Amino acid sequence: MKNNYLNTSDIRLKILKLLFKSKASHLGSNMSVVEILTAIYSLLDVEKIKINSSDRSRVYISKGHCACATYSVLNSFGIIDDATLSTYHSNNSLLAGHVSHSVKGVEHSTGALGHGVSVALGTAIGLKSKKYDKNPLVFTLCGDGEIQEGSVWEAFMLAGHLKLNNFIVLIDYNKISSITDTNKVVNLEPLDKKFSSFGFKCVEVDGHNIDSISKEIINRDSDKPLSIICHTTKGKGVSFAENDPIWHYRTLTDELYQQALDELKNN
């Protein structure tokens, strides 16, 4: 297992600066996924992603509104250059507020929640049919509110039926869906048992512990898809935004930006 992980505080600083510069929202959603994305890309052959190799592993960002975090992580792994990243959410930029396949390293445009899972599943099935020497993996990152959508469970049911051991679902379980607690909208629990009943190996981890996430990916079963329930904090690293639903929408003022900047620099 790799242990030379990128500094996630540096990635959060990138996200913060981009969101402030562009006056964009979704601070909470972006900060909660940093370690999840870092764990995924730390295990992949990034050079294959850079050259768009047909046998590359794929990452689908089904919760497309964490675009700023996605682009910041891709930049940290050398997939997106600094000049491109600096255009985030600007006029005429390809780097919009939801991920777009027009951006290098992004497999699919998402924003309408629930769609990315099905596309990822189709990709996993297609890669299996190619019979590559090395089994390319397909990751899909979902929000906890997103998996209240019916289409995701149709995809999960088929993945379990087909025993797709190259299909890995990571749930950003930050407990907040848009403007309120996720389980006040529709209670997901017992989430682990739901996945298990659909034929997945399902594990729960600290979603801010890269080692824990990586270990579960490496130790996945050989005859089942994998679901990793990542318990996270929405707004992680920015005290006034942590676990506050309003930071799904609110933009940073000068004063709050400086406070968040100081906190992340001193972390």
Protein backbone atom coordinates (compact mmCIF):
# COMPACT_ATOMS: atom_id res chain seq x y z
CA MET A 1 0.00 0.00 0.00
CA LYS A 2 1.29 3.46 -0.80
CA ASN A 3 1.80 5.73 2.18
CA ASN A 4 3.33 8.78 0.51
CA TYR A 5 -0.02 10.52 0.30
CA LEU A 6 -0.47 14.10 -0.76
CA ASN A 7 -1.00 16.70 1.94
CA THR A 8 -4.77 17.06 2.16
CA SER A 9 -4.46 20.41 3.94
CA ASP A 10 -2.80 21.76 0.80
CA ILE A 11 -5.67 20.41 -1.30
CA ARG A 12 -8.22 22.06 0.99
CA LEU A 13 -6.35 25.35 0.65
CA LYS A 14 -6.60 25.04 -3.14
CA ILE A 15 -10.33 24.43 -2.86
CA LEU A 16 -10.84 27.35 -0.51
CA LYS A 17 -8.92 29.79 -2.69
CA LEU A 18 -10.77 28.70 -5.84
CA LEU A 19 -14.19 28.95 -4.24
CA PHE A 20 -13.43 32.41 -2.86
CA LYS A 21 -11.95 33.70 -6.11
CA SER A 22 -14.90 32.47 -8.16
CA LYS A 23 -17.58 33.24 -5.54
CA ALA A 24 -18.80 29.68 -5.99
CA SER A 25 -20.73 27.55 -3.49
CA HIS A 26 -20.60 23.91 -2.29
CA LEU A 27 -17.79 24.51 0.20
CA GLY A 28 -19.20 21.86 2.53
CA SER A 29 -19.55 19.18 -0.14
CA ASN A 30 -16.07 19.78 -1.50
CA MET A 31 -14.29 19.65 1.83
CA SER A 32 -15.85 16.32 2.86
CA VAL A 33 -14.46 14.29 -0.07
CA VAL A 34 -10.78 15.27 -0.09
CA GLU A 35 -9.42 12.13 1.57
CA ILE A 36 -11.74 9.85 -0.40
CA LEU A 37 -10.50 11.21 -3.73
CA THR A 38 -6.89 11.24 -2.55
CA ALA A 39 -7.13 7.59 -1.52
CA ILE A 40 -8.57 6.58 -4.89
CA TYR A 41 -6.02 8.35 -7.06
CA SER A 42 -3.12 7.24 -4.83
CA LEU A 43 -3.90 3.66 -5.86
CA LEU A 44 -4.31 4.26 -9.58
CA ASP A 45 -1.88 4.36 -12.48
CA VAL A 46 -2.18 8.09 -13.09
CA GLU A 47 -0.04 7.92 -16.23
CA LYS A 48 -2.70 5.77 -17.90
CA ILE A 49 -5.32 8.38 -16.99
CA LYS A 50 -3.16 11.14 -18.49
CA ILE A 51 -2.88 9.37 -21.84
CA ASN A 52 -6.48 8.11 -21.78
CA SER A 53 -5.35 4.50 -22.08
CA SER A 54 -8.19 2.10 -22.87
CA ASP A 55 -7.22 -0.16 -19.98
CA ARG A 56 -7.11 2.62 -17.38
CA SER A 57 -9.14 2.46 -14.20
CA ARG A 58 -12.01 4.96 -14.19
CA VAL A 59 -13.33 7.34 -11.54
CA TYR A 60 -16.90 8.63 -11.80
CA ILE A 61 -17.89 11.58 -9.64
CA SER A 62 -21.59 10.91 -9.33
CA LYS A 63 -21.99 13.73 -6.78
CA GLY A 64 -20.92 16.17 -9.46
CA HIS A 65 -21.19 19.26 -7.28
CA CYS A 66 -17.85 18.42 -5.62
CA ALA A 67 -16.20 19.61 -8.82
CA CYS A 68 -13.79 21.98 -7.09
CA ALA A 69 -12.40 19.17 -4.93
CA THR A 70 -12.21 16.85 -7.94
CA TYR A 71 -10.30 19.37 -10.03
CA SER A 72 -8.00 20.25 -7.12
CA VAL A 73 -7.14 16.58 -6.57
CA LEU A 74 -6.60 16.03 -10.31
CA ASN A 75 -4.27 19.02 -10.26
CA SER A 76 -2.37 17.63 -7.27
CA PHE A 77 -1.81 14.37 -9.17
CA GLY A 78 -0.60 16.22 -12.27
CA ILE A 79 -3.63 15.49 -14.45
CA ILE A 80 -4.85 19.12 -14.67
CA ASP A 81 -2.28 21.91 -14.93
CA ASP A 82 -2.17 24.98 -12.70
CA ALA A 83 -3.24 27.39 -15.44
CA THR A 84 -6.37 25.38 -16.17
CA LEU A 85 -7.22 24.97 -12.49
CA SER A 86 -7.01 28.74 -11.95
CA THR A 87 -9.94 29.24 -14.35
CA TYR A 88 -12.39 27.31 -12.14
CA HIS A 89 -15.96 28.65 -12.42
CA SER A 90 -14.84 31.56 -14.61
CA ASN A 91 -16.44 32.73 -17.82
CA ASN A 92 -15.50 30.50 -20.79
CA SER A 93 -13.78 27.97 -18.54
CA LEU A 94 -14.31 24.23 -18.98
CA LEU A 95 -14.14 23.91 -15.19
CA ALA A 96 -17.76 24.51 -14.25
CA GLY A 97 -19.42 24.05 -10.88
CA HIS A 98 -20.33 20.44 -11.73
CA VAL A 99 -17.78 18.06 -13.22
CA SER A 100 -17.60 17.89 -17.01
CA HIS A 101 -16.10 15.26 -19.29
CA SER A 102 -14.63 18.12 -21.30
CA VAL A 103 -11.99 18.33 -18.56
CA LYS A 104 -8.96 16.04 -18.76
CA GLY A 105 -9.33 13.13 -16.34
CA VAL A 106 -13.10 13.44 -15.93
CA GLU A 107 -14.97 10.43 -17.31
CA HIS A 108 -18.54 11.74 -17.34
CA SER A 109 -20.49 14.96 -16.85
CA THR A 110 -22.66 14.78 -13.74
CA GLY A 111 -24.93 17.10 -11.84
CA ALA A 112 -28.27 15.38 -12.09
CA LEU A 113 -27.79 13.13 -9.09
CA GLY A 114 -28.12 9.38 -9.45
CA HIS A 115 -26.93 9.13 -13.03
CA GLY A 116 -23.21 8.60 -12.50
CA VAL A 117 -23.67 5.25 -10.78
CA SER A 118 -25.41 3.69 -13.77
CA VAL A 119 -22.79 4.98 -16.20
CA ALA A 120 -20.03 3.65 -13.95
CA LEU A 121 -21.76 0.27 -13.80
CA GLY A 122 -21.97 0.10 -17.58
CA THR A 123 -18.28 0.90 -17.79
CA ALA A 124 -17.43 -1.84 -15.28
CA ILE A 125 -19.39 -4.36 -17.36
CA GLY A 126 -17.72 -3.18 -20.56
CA LEU A 127 -14.22 -3.40 -19.11
CA LYS A 128 -14.90 -6.95 -17.94
CA SER A 129 -15.79 -7.92 -21.50
CA LYS A 130 -12.41 -6.65 -22.77
CA LYS A 131 -10.55 -9.25 -20.69
CA TYR A 132 -7.54 -7.05 -20.01
CA ASP A 133 -4.54 -8.73 -18.35
CA LYS A 134 -4.95 -6.40 -15.39
CA ASN A 135 -8.46 -5.86 -14.13
CA PRO A 136 -9.19 -2.11 -14.47
CA LEU A 137 -11.29 -0.81 -11.59
CA VAL A 138 -14.30 1.47 -11.78
CA PHE A 139 -14.91 3.81 -8.85
CA THR A 140 -18.01 5.89 -8.30
CA LEU A 141 -18.26 8.55 -5.61
CA CYS A 142 -21.80 9.17 -4.38
CA GLY A 143 -23.35 11.52 -1.88
CA ASP A 144 -25.50 10.10 0.89
CA GLY A 145 -28.47 12.19 -0.22
CA GLU A 146 -27.92 11.00 -3.77
CA ILE A 147 -28.46 7.36 -2.88
CA GLN A 148 -32.05 8.14 -2.00
CA GLU A 149 -32.54 8.06 -5.78
CA GLY A 150 -34.18 4.90 -7.11
CA SER A 151 -31.91 4.50 -10.13
CA VAL A 152 -28.83 3.90 -7.99
CA TRP A 153 -30.42 0.85 -6.37
CA GLU A 154 -31.30 -0.61 -9.75
CA ALA A 155 -27.60 -0.31 -10.63
CA PHE A 156 -26.50 -1.76 -7.29
CA MET A 157 -28.85 -4.71 -7.72
CA LEU A 158 -27.37 -5.54 -11.14
CA ALA A 159 -23.79 -5.08 -9.88
CA GLY A 160 -24.41 -7.60 -7.12
CA HIS A 161 -26.12 -10.02 -9.48
CA LEU A 162 -23.17 -9.90 -11.88
CA LYS A 163 -20.62 -10.17 -9.04
CA LEU A 164 -18.66 -7.26 -10.47
CA ASN A 165 -15.47 -7.30 -8.45
CA ASN A 166 -14.14 -4.31 -10.41
CA PHE A 167 -17.01 -2.05 -9.28
CA ILE A 168 -16.32 0.08 -6.19
CA VAL A 169 -18.83 2.50 -4.69
CA LEU A 170 -17.73 5.08 -2.14
CA ILE A 171 -20.42 6.91 -0.19
CA ASP A 172 -19.62 10.37 1.17
CA TYR A 173 -21.77 9.86 4.26
CA ASN A 174 -21.58 13.36 5.71
CA LYS A 175 -25.13 13.07 7.09
CA ILE A 176 -26.39 16.24 5.37
CA SER A 177 -28.56 16.25 2.27
CA SER A 178 -28.80 19.72 0.78
CA ILE A 179 -30.41 21.76 3.60
CA THR A 180 -31.13 19.24 6.34
CA ASP A 181 -30.05 15.94 7.86
CA THR A 182 -29.99 13.16 5.27
CA ASN A 183 -31.93 10.71 7.41
CA LYS A 184 -34.65 13.27 8.06
CA VAL A 185 -35.37 13.28 4.34
CA VAL A 186 -35.29 9.50 3.87
CA ASN A 187 -33.67 7.29 6.48
CA LEU A 188 -30.86 5.28 4.88
CA GLU A 189 -30.22 3.00 7.81
CA PRO A 190 -29.23 0.21 8.08
CA LEU A 191 -27.18 1.21 5.06
CA ASP A 192 -24.55 -1.51 5.38
CA LYS A 193 -27.17 -4.24 5.48
CA LYS A 194 -28.88 -2.81 2.41
CA PHE A 195 -25.67 -3.09 0.41
CA SER A 196 -24.93 -6.55 1.77
CA SER A 197 -28.39 -7.74 0.78
CA PHE A 198 -27.68 -6.56 -2.77
CA GLY A 199 -24.59 -8.78 -2.96
CA PHE A 200 -21.90 -6.27 -2.07
CA LYS A 201 -19.07 -6.53 0.36
CA CYS A 202 -19.84 -3.47 2.49
CA VAL A 203 -17.50 -1.80 4.98
CA GLU A 204 -17.62 1.39 7.02
CA VAL A 205 -14.60 3.63 7.54
CA ASP A 206 -13.52 7.04 8.76
CA GLY A 207 -13.83 8.92 5.50
CA HIS A 208 -10.99 11.24 6.48
CA ASN A 209 -8.52 8.38 6.99
CA ILE A 210 -6.77 7.65 3.70
CA ASP A 211 -5.12 4.49 4.99
CA SER A 212 -8.46 3.00 6.05
CA ILE A 213 -10.07 3.71 2.67
CA SER A 214 -7.07 2.40 0.72
CA LYS A 215 -6.87 -0.77 2.78
CA GLU A 216 -10.49 -1.68 2.01
CA ILE A 217 -9.97 -1.11 -1.71
CA ILE A 218 -6.88 -3.29 -1.75
CA ASN A 219 -8.54 -6.04 0.32
CA ARG A 220 -11.77 -6.16 -1.68
CA ASP A 221 -13.40 -9.53 -2.32
CA SER A 222 -12.64 -11.38 -5.56
CA ASP A 223 -16.28 -12.22 -6.28
CA LYS A 224 -18.29 -9.19 -5.14
CA PRO A 225 -18.59 -5.46 -5.82
CA LEU A 226 -17.40 -3.28 -2.96
CA SER A 227 -19.21 -0.51 -1.11
CA ILE A 228 -17.30 1.73 1.28
CA ILE A 229 -19.44 3.87 3.56
CA CYS A 230 -17.15 6.80 4.34
CA HIS A 231 -18.24 8.67 7.46
CA THR A 232 -17.24 12.27 6.84
CA THR A 233 -17.76 15.79 8.12
CA LYS A 234 -19.35 18.23 5.72
CA GLY A 235 -17.13 21.32 5.58
CA LYS A 236 -14.19 19.42 7.09
CA GLY A 237 -11.35 21.70 8.18
CA VAL A 238 -13.34 24.95 8.24
CA SER A 239 -14.85 25.30 11.70
CA PHE A 240 -17.78 27.58 10.85
CA ALA A 241 -18.80 25.34 7.94
CA GLU A 242 -18.51 21.94 9.62
CA ASN A 243 -21.88 20.17 9.86
CA ASP A 244 -23.76 23.33 8.87
CA PRO A 245 -26.14 22.68 5.94
CA ILE A 246 -26.07 26.31 4.79
CA TRP A 247 -22.56 25.78 3.42
CA HIS A 248 -24.01 23.68 0.65
CA TYR A 249 -25.05 27.05 -0.84
CA ARG A 250 -23.36 29.99 0.90
CA THR A 251 -20.37 31.78 -0.61
CA LEU A 252 -17.41 33.12 1.34
CA THR A 253 -17.17 36.72 2.51
CA ASP A 254 -13.76 38.36 2.84
CA GLU A 255 -13.86 37.92 6.61
CA LEU A 256 -14.87 34.26 6.57
CA TYR A 257 -12.36 33.50 3.84
CA GLN A 258 -9.56 34.89 5.97
CA GLN A 259 -10.75 32.90 8.99
CA ALA A 260 -10.88 29.67 6.96
CA LEU A 261 -7.49 30.42 5.41
CA ASP A 262 -5.92 30.87 8.83
CA GLU A 263 -7.48 27.64 10.11
CA LEU A 264 -6.28 25.55 7.18
CA LYS A 265 -2.79 27.03 7.22
CA ASN A 266 -2.47 26.24 10.92
CA ASN A 267 -3.88 22.72 10.61
